[in-house]
Amino acid sequence: MSELIEHRWSVYLIRNNRNALYCGVTNDVERRFKQHQCGKGAKALKGKGPLTLEWFSPFKSKSTAMKVEYFIKQLSKITKKHWFHWEPR
């Protein structure tokens, strides 16, 4: 992950111990994932470890990354399953 260019905005997906996906935006995926693992950040992930960084993709601007995040959050569970190889429990 350390090959990421700093200050480039990324959308990421984290899988929790319940097999649910969490989607977020950051300018440093490695730092943000470590924060989530330590229980800092999103309440949706607290106490639901171990966490796995499933996917991330960089974008040229925060605005674009936020639009992609919104798009992903609107997808149905079935669509997410196909796109991200996710099996809901």
PDB file of N, CA and C in Angstrom:
ATOM      1  N   MET A   1       0.814  -1.195   0.000  1.00  0.00           N
ATOM      2  CA  MET A   1       0.000   0.000   0.000  1.00  0.00           C
ATOM      3  C   MET A   1       0.857   1.258   0.000  1.00  0.00           C
ATOM      4  N   SER A   2       2.078   1.192   0.433  1.00  0.00           N
ATOM      5  CA  SER A   2       2.890   2.392   0.565  1.00  0.00           C
ATOM      6  C   SER A   2       3.251   3.013  -0.776  1.00  0.00           C
ATOM      7  N   GLU A   3       2.913   2.351  -1.885  1.00  0.00           N
ATOM      8  CA  GLU A   3       3.181   2.913  -3.201  1.00  0.00           C
ATOM      9  C   GLU A   3       2.161   3.982  -3.589  1.00  0.00           C
ATOM     10  N   LEU A   4       1.127   4.160  -2.782  1.00  0.00           N
ATOM     11  CA  LEU A   4       0.113   5.155  -3.099  1.00  0.00           C
ATOM     12  C   LEU A   4       0.710   6.553  -3.099  1.00  0.00           C
ATOM     13  N   ILE A   5       0.277   7.367  -4.027  1.00  0.00           N
ATOM     14  CA  ILE A   5       0.717   8.753  -4.083  1.00  0.00           C
ATOM     15  C   ILE A   5      -0.050   9.527  -3.022  1.00  0.00           C
ATOM     16  N   GLU A   6       0.680  10.264  -2.173  1.00  0.00           N
ATOM     17  CA  GLU A   6       0.025  11.039  -1.131  1.00  0.00           C
ATOM     18  C   GLU A   6      -0.857  12.116  -1.739  1.00  0.00           C
ATOM     19  N   HIS A   7      -1.903  12.440  -1.042  1.00  0.00           N
ATOM     20  CA  HIS A   7      -2.844  13.495  -1.414  1.00  0.00           C
ATOM     21  C   HIS A   7      -3.635  13.162  -2.670  1.00  0.00           C
ATOM     22  N   ARG A   8      -3.600  11.951  -3.123  1.00  0.00           N
ATOM     23  CA  ARG A   8      -4.481  11.501  -4.185  1.00  0.00           C
ATOM     24  C   ARG A   8      -5.651  10.836  -3.478  1.00  0.00           C
ATOM     25  N   TRP A   9      -6.833  11.239  -3.798  1.00  0.00           N
ATOM     26  CA  TRP A   9      -8.013  10.739  -3.107  1.00  0.00           C
ATOM     27  C   TRP A   9      -8.376   9.351  -3.593  1.00  0.00           C
ATOM     28  N   SER A  10      -8.764   8.499  -2.672  1.00  0.00           N
ATOM     29  CA  SER A  10      -9.119   7.122  -2.993  1.00  0.00           C
ATOM     30  C   SER A  10     -10.446   6.749  -2.345  1.00  0.00           C
ATOM     31  N   VAL A  11     -11.124   5.832  -2.995  1.00  0.00           N
ATOM     32  CA  VAL A  11     -12.310   5.190  -2.436  1.00  0.00           C
ATOM     33  C   VAL A  11     -11.847   3.804  -2.016  1.00  0.00           C
ATOM     34  N   TYR A  12     -12.299   3.346  -0.848  1.00  0.00           N
ATOM     35  CA  TYR A  12     -11.863   2.040  -0.358  1.00  0.00           C
ATOM     36  C   TYR A  12     -13.038   1.266   0.209  1.00  0.00           C
ATOM     37  N   LEU A  13     -12.881  -0.052   0.247  1.00  0.00           N
ATOM     38  CA  LEU A  13     -13.867  -0.939   0.851  1.00  0.00           C
ATOM     39  C   LEU A  13     -13.167  -1.800   1.891  1.00  0.00           C
ATOM     40  N   ILE A  14     -13.763  -1.866   3.069  1.00  0.00           N
ATOM     41  CA  ILE A  14     -13.252  -2.696   4.153  1.00  0.00           C
ATOM     42  C   ILE A  14     -14.337  -3.708   4.507  1.00  0.00           C
ATOM     43  N   ARG A  15     -13.910  -4.959   4.672  1.00  0.00           N
ATOM     44  CA  ARG A  15     -14.829  -6.025   5.092  1.00  0.00           C
ATOM     45  C   ARG A  15     -14.639  -6.260   6.593  1.00  0.00           C
ATOM     46  N   ASN A  16     -15.748  -6.347   7.321  1.00  0.00           N
ATOM     47  CA  ASN A  16     -15.646  -6.603   8.757  1.00  0.00           C
ATOM     48  C   ASN A  16     -15.881  -8.082   9.059  1.00  0.00           C
ATOM     49  N   ASN A  17     -15.878  -8.444  10.335  1.00  0.00           N
ATOM     50  CA  ASN A  17     -16.020  -9.848  10.732  1.00  0.00           C
ATOM     51  C   ASN A  17     -17.404 -10.418  10.452  1.00  0.00           C
ATOM     52  N   ARG A  18     -18.343  -9.553  10.131  1.00  0.00           N
ATOM     53  CA  ARG A  18     -19.703 -10.003   9.788  1.00  0.00           C
ATOM     54  C   ARG A  18     -19.898 -10.078   8.283  1.00  0.00           C
ATOM     55  N   ASN A  19     -18.806  -9.907   7.557  1.00  0.00           N
ATOM     56  CA  ASN A  19     -18.775  -9.991   6.096  1.00  0.00           C
ATOM     57  C   ASN A  19     -19.461  -8.802   5.428  1.00  0.00           C
ATOM     58  N   ALA A  20     -19.708  -7.740   6.174  1.00  0.00           N
ATOM     59  CA  ALA A  20     -20.303  -6.531   5.608  1.00  0.00           C
ATOM     60  C   ALA A  20     -19.191  -5.644   5.048  1.00  0.00           C
ATOM     61  N   LEU A  21     -19.532  -4.868   4.040  1.00  0.00           N
ATOM     62  CA  LEU A  21     -18.572  -3.955   3.439  1.00  0.00           C
ATOM     63  C   LEU A  21     -18.824  -2.533   3.910  1.00  0.00           C
ATOM     64  N   TYR A  22     -17.741  -1.840   4.220  1.00  0.00           N
ATOM     65  CA  TYR A  22     -17.789  -0.425   4.574  1.00  0.00           C
ATOM     66  C   TYR A  22     -17.061   0.329   3.476  1.00  0.00           C
ATOM     67  N   CYS A  23     -17.656   1.399   2.972  1.00  0.00           N
ATOM     68  CA  CYS A  23     -17.063   2.198   1.902  1.00  0.00           C
ATOM     69  C   CYS A  23     -16.694   3.568   2.450  1.00  0.00           C
ATOM     70  N   GLY A  24     -15.497   4.046   2.082  1.00  0.00           N
ATOM     71  CA  GLY A  24     -15.055   5.352   2.542  1.00  0.00           C
ATOM     72  C   GLY A  24     -14.160   6.038   1.533  1.00  0.00           C
ATOM     73  N   VAL A  25     -13.812   7.296   1.835  1.00  0.00           N
ATOM     74  CA  VAL A  25     -12.937   8.119   0.993  1.00  0.00           C
ATOM     75  C   VAL A  25     -11.802   8.642   1.867  1.00  0.00           C
ATOM     76  N   THR A  26     -10.589   8.643   1.333  1.00  0.00           N
ATOM     77  CA  THR A  26      -9.443   9.159   2.065  1.00  0.00           C
ATOM     78  C   THR A  26      -8.355   9.590   1.087  1.00  0.00           C
ATOM     79  N   ASN A  27      -7.399  10.367   1.604  1.00  0.00           N
ATOM     80  CA  ASN A  27      -6.245  10.718   0.780  1.00  0.00           C
ATOM     81  C   ASN A  27      -5.022   9.899   1.190  1.00  0.00           C
ATOM     82  N   ASP A  28      -5.215   8.924   2.093  1.00  0.00           N
ATOM     83  CA  ASP A  28      -4.133   8.038   2.516  1.00  0.00           C
ATOM     84  C   ASP A  28      -4.767   6.724   2.988  1.00  0.00           C
ATOM     85  N   VAL A  29      -4.876   5.770   2.083  1.00  0.00           N
ATOM     86  CA  VAL A  29      -5.568   4.511   2.384  1.00  0.00           C
ATOM     87  C   VAL A  29      -4.879   3.755   3.514  1.00  0.00           C
ATOM     88  N   GLU A  30      -3.575   3.675   3.474  1.00  0.00           N
ATOM     89  CA  GLU A  30      -2.840   2.927   4.495  1.00  0.00           C
ATOM     90  C   GLU A  30      -3.080   3.511   5.891  1.00  0.00           C
ATOM     91  N   ARG A  31      -2.959   4.827   6.025  1.00  0.00           N
ATOM     92  CA  ARG A  31      -3.192   5.492   7.312  1.00  0.00           C
ATOM     93  C   ARG A  31      -4.620   5.278   7.781  1.00  0.00           C
ATOM     94  N   ARG A  32      -5.577   5.438   6.885  1.00  0.00           N
ATOM     95  CA  ARG A  32      -6.991   5.323   7.250  1.00  0.00           C
ATOM     96  C   ARG A  32      -7.345   3.901   7.672  1.00  0.00           C
ATOM     97  N   PHE A  33      -6.804   2.909   6.961  1.00  0.00           N
ATOM     98  CA  PHE A  33      -7.073   1.519   7.327  1.00  0.00           C
ATOM     99  C   PHE A  33      -6.519   1.218   8.717  1.00  0.00           C
ATOM    100  N   LYS A  34      -5.326   1.714   9.015  1.00  0.00           N
ATOM    101  CA  LYS A  34      -4.747   1.520  10.350  1.00  0.00           C
ATOM    102  C   LYS A  34      -5.620   2.167  11.422  1.00  0.00           C
ATOM    103  N   GLN A  35      -6.171   3.345  11.117  1.00  0.00           N
ATOM    104  CA  GLN A  35      -7.074   4.006  12.071  1.00  0.00           C
ATOM    105  C   GLN A  35      -8.298   3.136  12.337  1.00  0.00           C
ATOM    106  N   HIS A  36      -8.876   2.590  11.276  1.00  0.00           N
ATOM    107  CA  HIS A  36     -10.047   1.723  11.439  1.00  0.00           C
ATOM    108  C   HIS A  36      -9.691   0.497  12.281  1.00  0.00           C
ATOM    109  N   GLN A  37      -8.524  -0.086  12.040  1.00  0.00           N
ATOM    110  CA  GLN A  37      -8.106  -1.273  12.798  1.00  0.00           C
ATOM    111  C   GLN A  37      -7.944  -0.964  14.283  1.00  0.00           C
ATOM    112  N   CYS A  38      -7.582   0.265  14.609  1.00  0.00           N
ATOM    113  CA  CYS A  38      -7.400   0.679  16.008  1.00  0.00           C
ATOM    114  C   CYS A  38      -8.704   1.137  16.654  1.00  0.00           C
ATOM    115  N   GLY A  39      -9.806   1.083  15.912  1.00  0.00           N
ATOM    116  CA  GLY A  39     -11.090   1.492  16.457  1.00  0.00           C
ATOM    117  C   GLY A  39     -11.360   2.973  16.368  1.00  0.00           C
ATOM    118  N   LYS A  40     -10.524   3.697  15.630  1.00  0.00           N
ATOM    119  CA  LYS A  40     -10.728   5.133  15.443  1.00  0.00           C
ATOM    120  C   LYS A  40     -11.411   5.346  14.103  1.00  0.00           C
ATOM    121  N   GLY A  41     -12.306   6.309  14.056  1.00  0.00           N
ATOM    122  CA  GLY A  41     -12.967   6.585  12.788  1.00  0.00           C
ATOM    123  C   GLY A  41     -14.405   6.136  12.802  1.00  0.00           C
ATOM    124  N   ALA A  42     -14.785   5.380  11.816  1.00  0.00           N
ATOM    125  CA  ALA A  42     -16.176   5.000  11.599  1.00  0.00           C
ATOM    126  C   ALA A  42     -16.732   4.118  12.717  1.00  0.00           C
ATOM    127  N   LYS A  43     -17.844   4.547  13.288  1.00  0.00           N
ATOM    128  CA  LYS A  43     -18.512   3.758  14.324  1.00  0.00           C
ATOM    129  C   LYS A  43     -18.984   2.416  13.765  1.00  0.00           C
ATOM    130  N   ALA A  44     -19.277   2.384  12.475  1.00  0.00           N
ATOM    131  CA  ALA A  44     -19.774   1.160  11.842  1.00  0.00           C
ATOM    132  C   ALA A  44     -18.762   0.022  11.897  1.00  0.00           C
ATOM    133  N   LEU A  45     -17.487   0.337  12.113  1.00  0.00           N
ATOM    134  CA  LEU A  45     -16.451  -0.697  12.135  1.00  0.00           C
ATOM    135  C   LEU A  45     -15.932  -1.011  13.538  1.00  0.00           C
ATOM    136  N   LYS A  46     -16.281  -0.202  14.513  1.00  0.00           N
ATOM    137  CA  LYS A  46     -15.768  -0.415  15.874  1.00  0.00           C
ATOM    138  C   LYS A  46     -16.266  -1.737  16.448  1.00  0.00           C
ATOM    139  N   GLY A  47     -15.321  -2.526  16.950  1.00  0.00           N
ATOM    140  CA  GLY A  47     -15.669  -3.799  17.567  1.00  0.00           C
ATOM    141  C   GLY A  47     -16.063  -4.880  16.592  1.00  0.00           C
ATOM    142  N   LYS A  48     -15.813  -4.673  15.307  1.00  0.00           N
ATOM    143  CA  LYS A  48     -16.218  -5.649  14.300  1.00  0.00           C
ATOM    144  C   LYS A  48     -15.020  -6.211  13.541  1.00  0.00           C
ATOM    145  N   GLY A  49     -13.854  -6.203  14.191  1.00  0.00           N
ATOM    146  CA  GLY A  49     -12.652  -6.744  13.577  1.00  0.00           C
ATOM    147  C   GLY A  49     -12.615  -8.251  13.688  1.00  0.00           C
ATOM    148  N   PRO A  50     -11.730  -8.913  12.992  1.00  0.00           N
ATOM    149  CA  PRO A  50     -10.680  -8.288  12.189  1.00  0.00           C
ATOM    150  C   PRO A  50     -11.244  -7.675  10.908  1.00  0.00           C
ATOM    151  N   LEU A  51     -10.575  -6.630  10.472  1.00  0.00           N
ATOM    152  CA  LEU A  51     -10.971  -5.923   9.263  1.00  0.00           C
ATOM    153  C   LEU A  51     -10.027  -6.290   8.125  1.00  0.00           C
ATOM    154  N   THR A  52     -10.564  -6.283   6.918  1.00  0.00           N
ATOM    155  CA  THR A  52      -9.765  -6.593   5.736  1.00  0.00           C
ATOM    156  C   THR A  52      -9.988  -5.501   4.702  1.00  0.00           C
ATOM    157  N   LEU A  53      -8.908  -4.934   4.212  1.00  0.00           N
ATOM    158  CA  LEU A  53      -9.008  -3.971   3.117  1.00  0.00           C
ATOM    159  C   LEU A  53      -9.238  -4.775   1.848  1.00  0.00           C
ATOM    160  N   GLU A  54     -10.438  -4.691   1.308  1.00  0.00           N
ATOM    161  CA  GLU A  54     -10.824  -5.510   0.164  1.00  0.00           C
ATOM    162  C   GLU A  54     -10.482  -4.877  -1.183  1.00  0.00           C
ATOM    163  N   TRP A  55     -10.572  -3.537  -1.255  1.00  0.00           N
ATOM    164  CA  TRP A  55     -10.430  -2.873  -2.550  1.00  0.00           C
ATOM    165  C   TRP A  55     -10.199  -1.394  -2.321  1.00  0.00           C
ATOM    166  N   PHE A  56      -9.429  -0.780  -3.215  1.00  0.00           N
ATOM    167  CA  PHE A  56      -9.333   0.672  -3.242  1.00  0.00           C
ATOM    168  C   PHE A  56      -8.945   1.104  -4.639  1.00  0.00           C
ATOM    169  N   SER A  57      -9.291   2.348  -4.953  1.00  0.00           N
ATOM    170  CA  SER A  57      -8.962   2.901  -6.259  1.00  0.00           C
ATOM    171  C   SER A  57      -8.723   4.398  -6.108  1.00  0.00           C
ATOM    172  N   PRO A  58      -7.606   4.892  -6.653  1.00  0.00           N
ATOM    173  CA  PRO A  58      -7.314   6.331  -6.570  1.00  0.00           C
ATOM    174  C   PRO A  58      -8.079   7.129  -7.619  1.00  0.00           C
ATOM    175  N   PHE A  59      -8.349   8.385  -7.288  1.00  0.00           N
ATOM    176  CA  PHE A  59      -9.012   9.318  -8.204  1.00  0.00           C
ATOM    177  C   PHE A  59      -8.278  10.648  -8.167  1.00  0.00           C
ATOM    178  N   LYS A  60      -8.473  11.451  -9.181  1.00  0.00           N
ATOM    179  CA  LYS A  60      -7.729  12.705  -9.305  1.00  0.00           C
ATOM    180  C   LYS A  60      -8.201  13.793  -8.357  1.00  0.00           C
ATOM    181  N   SER A  61      -9.435  13.698  -7.892  1.00  0.00           N
ATOM    182  CA  SER A  61      -9.950  14.748  -7.006  1.00  0.00           C
ATOM    183  C   SER A  61     -10.831  14.149  -5.919  1.00  0.00           C
ATOM    184  N   LYS A  62     -10.966  14.893  -4.842  1.00  0.00           N
ATOM    185  CA  LYS A  62     -11.842  14.479  -3.753  1.00  0.00           C
ATOM    186  C   LYS A  62     -13.282  14.413  -4.241  1.00  0.00           C
ATOM    187  N   SER A  63     -13.663  15.370  -5.067  1.00  0.00           N
ATOM    188  CA  SER A  63     -15.022  15.414  -5.595  1.00  0.00           C
ATOM    189  C   SER A  63     -15.361  14.138  -6.365  1.00  0.00           C
ATOM    190  N   THR A  64     -14.460  13.713  -7.219  1.00  0.00           N
ATOM    191  CA  THR A  64     -14.700  12.488  -7.993  1.00  0.00           C
ATOM    192  C   THR A  64     -14.771  11.279  -7.073  1.00  0.00           C
ATOM    193  N   ALA A  65     -13.851  11.195  -6.113  1.00  0.00           N
ATOM    194  CA  ALA A  65     -13.851  10.073  -5.174  1.00  0.00           C
ATOM    195  C   ALA A  65     -15.157  10.014  -4.389  1.00  0.00           C
ATOM    196  N   MET A  66     -15.655  11.167  -3.970  1.00  0.00           N
ATOM    197  CA  MET A  66     -16.901  11.194  -3.208  1.00  0.00           C
ATOM    198  C   MET A  66     -18.098  10.777  -4.065  1.00  0.00           C
ATOM    199  N   LYS A  67     -18.067  11.115  -5.341  1.00  0.00           N
ATOM    200  CA  LYS A  67     -19.144  10.688  -6.240  1.00  0.00           C
ATOM    201  C   LYS A  67     -19.115   9.178  -6.434  1.00  0.00           C
ATOM    202  N   VAL A  68     -17.917   8.603  -6.534  1.00  0.00           N
ATOM    203  CA  VAL A  68     -17.791   7.150  -6.676  1.00  0.00           C
ATOM    204  C   VAL A  68     -18.241   6.461  -5.389  1.00  0.00           C
ATOM    205  N   GLU A  69     -17.851   7.009  -4.245  1.00  0.00           N
ATOM    206  CA  GLU A  69     -18.286   6.455  -2.964  1.00  0.00           C
ATOM    207  C   GLU A  69     -19.820   6.446  -2.884  1.00  0.00           C
ATOM    208  N   TYR A  70     -20.438   7.536  -3.255  1.00  0.00           N
ATOM    209  CA  TYR A  70     -21.900   7.625  -3.229  1.00  0.00           C
ATOM    210  C   TYR A  70     -22.510   6.575  -4.166  1.00  0.00           C
ATOM    211  N   PHE A  71     -21.926   6.445  -5.353  1.00  0.00           N
ATOM    212  CA  PHE A  71     -22.412   5.462  -6.323  1.00  0.00           C
ATOM    213  C   PHE A  71     -22.342   4.050  -5.735  1.00  0.00           C
ATOM    214  N   ILE A  72     -21.211   3.711  -5.129  1.00  0.00           N
ATOM    215  CA  ILE A  72     -21.038   2.372  -4.546  1.00  0.00           C
ATOM    216  C   ILE A  72     -22.051   2.148  -3.431  1.00  0.00           C
ATOM    217  N   LYS A  73     -22.264   3.150  -2.608  1.00  0.00           N
ATOM    218  CA  LYS A  73     -23.201   3.005  -1.490  1.00  0.00           C
ATOM    219  C   LYS A  73     -24.639   2.808  -1.963  1.00  0.00           C
ATOM    220  N   GLN A  74     -24.940   3.223  -3.175  1.00  0.00           N
ATOM    221  CA  GLN A  74     -26.288   3.066  -3.717  1.00  0.00           C
ATOM    222  C   GLN A  74     -26.510   1.694  -4.346  1.00  0.00           C
ATOM    223  N   LEU A  75     -25.442   0.936  -4.563  1.00  0.00           N
ATOM    224  CA  LEU A  75     -25.558  -0.376  -5.204  1.00  0.00           C
ATOM    225  C   LEU A  75     -26.286  -1.362  -4.297  1.00  0.00           C
ATOM    226  N   SER A  76     -26.994  -2.284  -4.902  1.00  0.00           N
ATOM    227  CA  SER A  76     -27.653  -3.340  -4.138  1.00  0.00           C
ATOM    228  C   SER A  76     -26.600  -4.335  -3.645  1.00  0.00           C
ATOM    229  N   LYS A  77     -26.955  -5.131  -2.657  1.00  0.00           N
ATOM    230  CA  LYS A  77     -26.034  -6.140  -2.143  1.00  0.00           C
ATOM    231  C   LYS A  77     -25.661  -7.138  -3.236  1.00  0.00           C
ATOM    232  N   ILE A  78     -26.601  -7.468  -4.091  1.00  0.00           N
ATOM    233  CA  ILE A  78     -26.320  -8.412  -5.180  1.00  0.00           C
ATOM    234  C   ILE A  78     -25.285  -7.837  -6.145  1.00  0.00           C
ATOM    235  N   THR A  79     -25.420  -6.574  -6.487  1.00  0.00           N
ATOM    236  CA  THR A  79     -24.462  -5.931  -7.392  1.00  0.00           C
ATOM    237  C   THR A  79     -23.087  -5.846  -6.742  1.00  0.00           C
ATOM    238  N   LYS A  80     -23.040  -5.480  -5.471  1.00  0.00           N
ATOM    239  CA  LYS A  80     -21.760  -5.431  -4.763  1.00  0.00           C
ATOM    240  C   LYS A  80     -21.107  -6.809  -4.733  1.00  0.00           C
ATOM    241  N   LYS A  81     -21.927  -7.826  -4.540  1.00  0.00           N
ATOM    242  CA  LYS A  81     -21.411  -9.199  -4.521  1.00  0.00           C
ATOM    243  C   LYS A  81     -20.690  -9.508  -5.826  1.00  0.00           C
ATOM    244  N   HIS A  82     -21.280  -9.137  -6.938  1.00  0.00           N
ATOM    245  CA  HIS A  82     -20.670  -9.422  -8.248  1.00  0.00           C
ATOM    246  C   HIS A  82     -19.453  -8.551  -8.511  1.00  0.00           C
ATOM    247  N   TRP A  83     -19.519  -7.290  -8.155  1.00  0.00           N
ATOM    248  CA  TRP A  83     -18.411  -6.372  -8.423  1.00  0.00           C
ATOM    249  C   TRP A  83     -17.220  -6.623  -7.520  1.00  0.00           C
ATOM    250  N   PHE A  84     -17.470  -6.942  -6.258  1.00  0.00           N
ATOM    251  CA  PHE A  84     -16.397  -7.032  -5.284  1.00  0.00           C
ATOM    252  C   PHE A  84     -16.234  -8.426  -4.704  1.00  0.00           C
ATOM    253  N   HIS A  85     -16.863  -9.435  -5.316  1.00  0.00           N
ATOM    254  CA  HIS A  85     -16.732 -10.828  -4.892  1.00  0.00           C
ATOM    255  C   HIS A  85     -17.038 -10.985  -3.414  1.00  0.00           C
ATOM    256  N   TRP A  86     -18.142 -10.428  -3.013  1.00  0.00           N
ATOM    257  CA  TRP A  86     -18.562 -10.362  -1.624  1.00  0.00           C
ATOM    258  C   TRP A  86     -19.719 -11.318  -1.402  1.00  0.00           C
ATOM    259  N   GLU A  87     -19.643 -12.123  -0.382  1.00  0.00           N
ATOM    260  CA  GLU A  87     -20.706 -13.069  -0.044  1.00  0.00           C
ATOM    261  C   GLU A  87     -21.390 -12.652   1.246  1.00  0.00           C
ATOM    262  N   PRO A  88     -22.586 -12.066   1.184  1.00  0.00           N
ATOM    263  CA  PRO A  88     -23.274 -11.707   2.425  1.00  0.00           C
ATOM    264  C   PRO A  88     -23.672 -12.941   3.218  1.00  0.00           C
ATOM    265  N   ARG A  89     -23.687 -12.817   4.538  1.00  0.00           N
ATOM    266  CA  ARG A  89     -24.079 -13.940   5.405  1.00  0.00           C
ATOM    267  C   ARG A  89     -25.528 -13.873   5.710  1.00  0.00           C
TER     268      ARG A  89
END
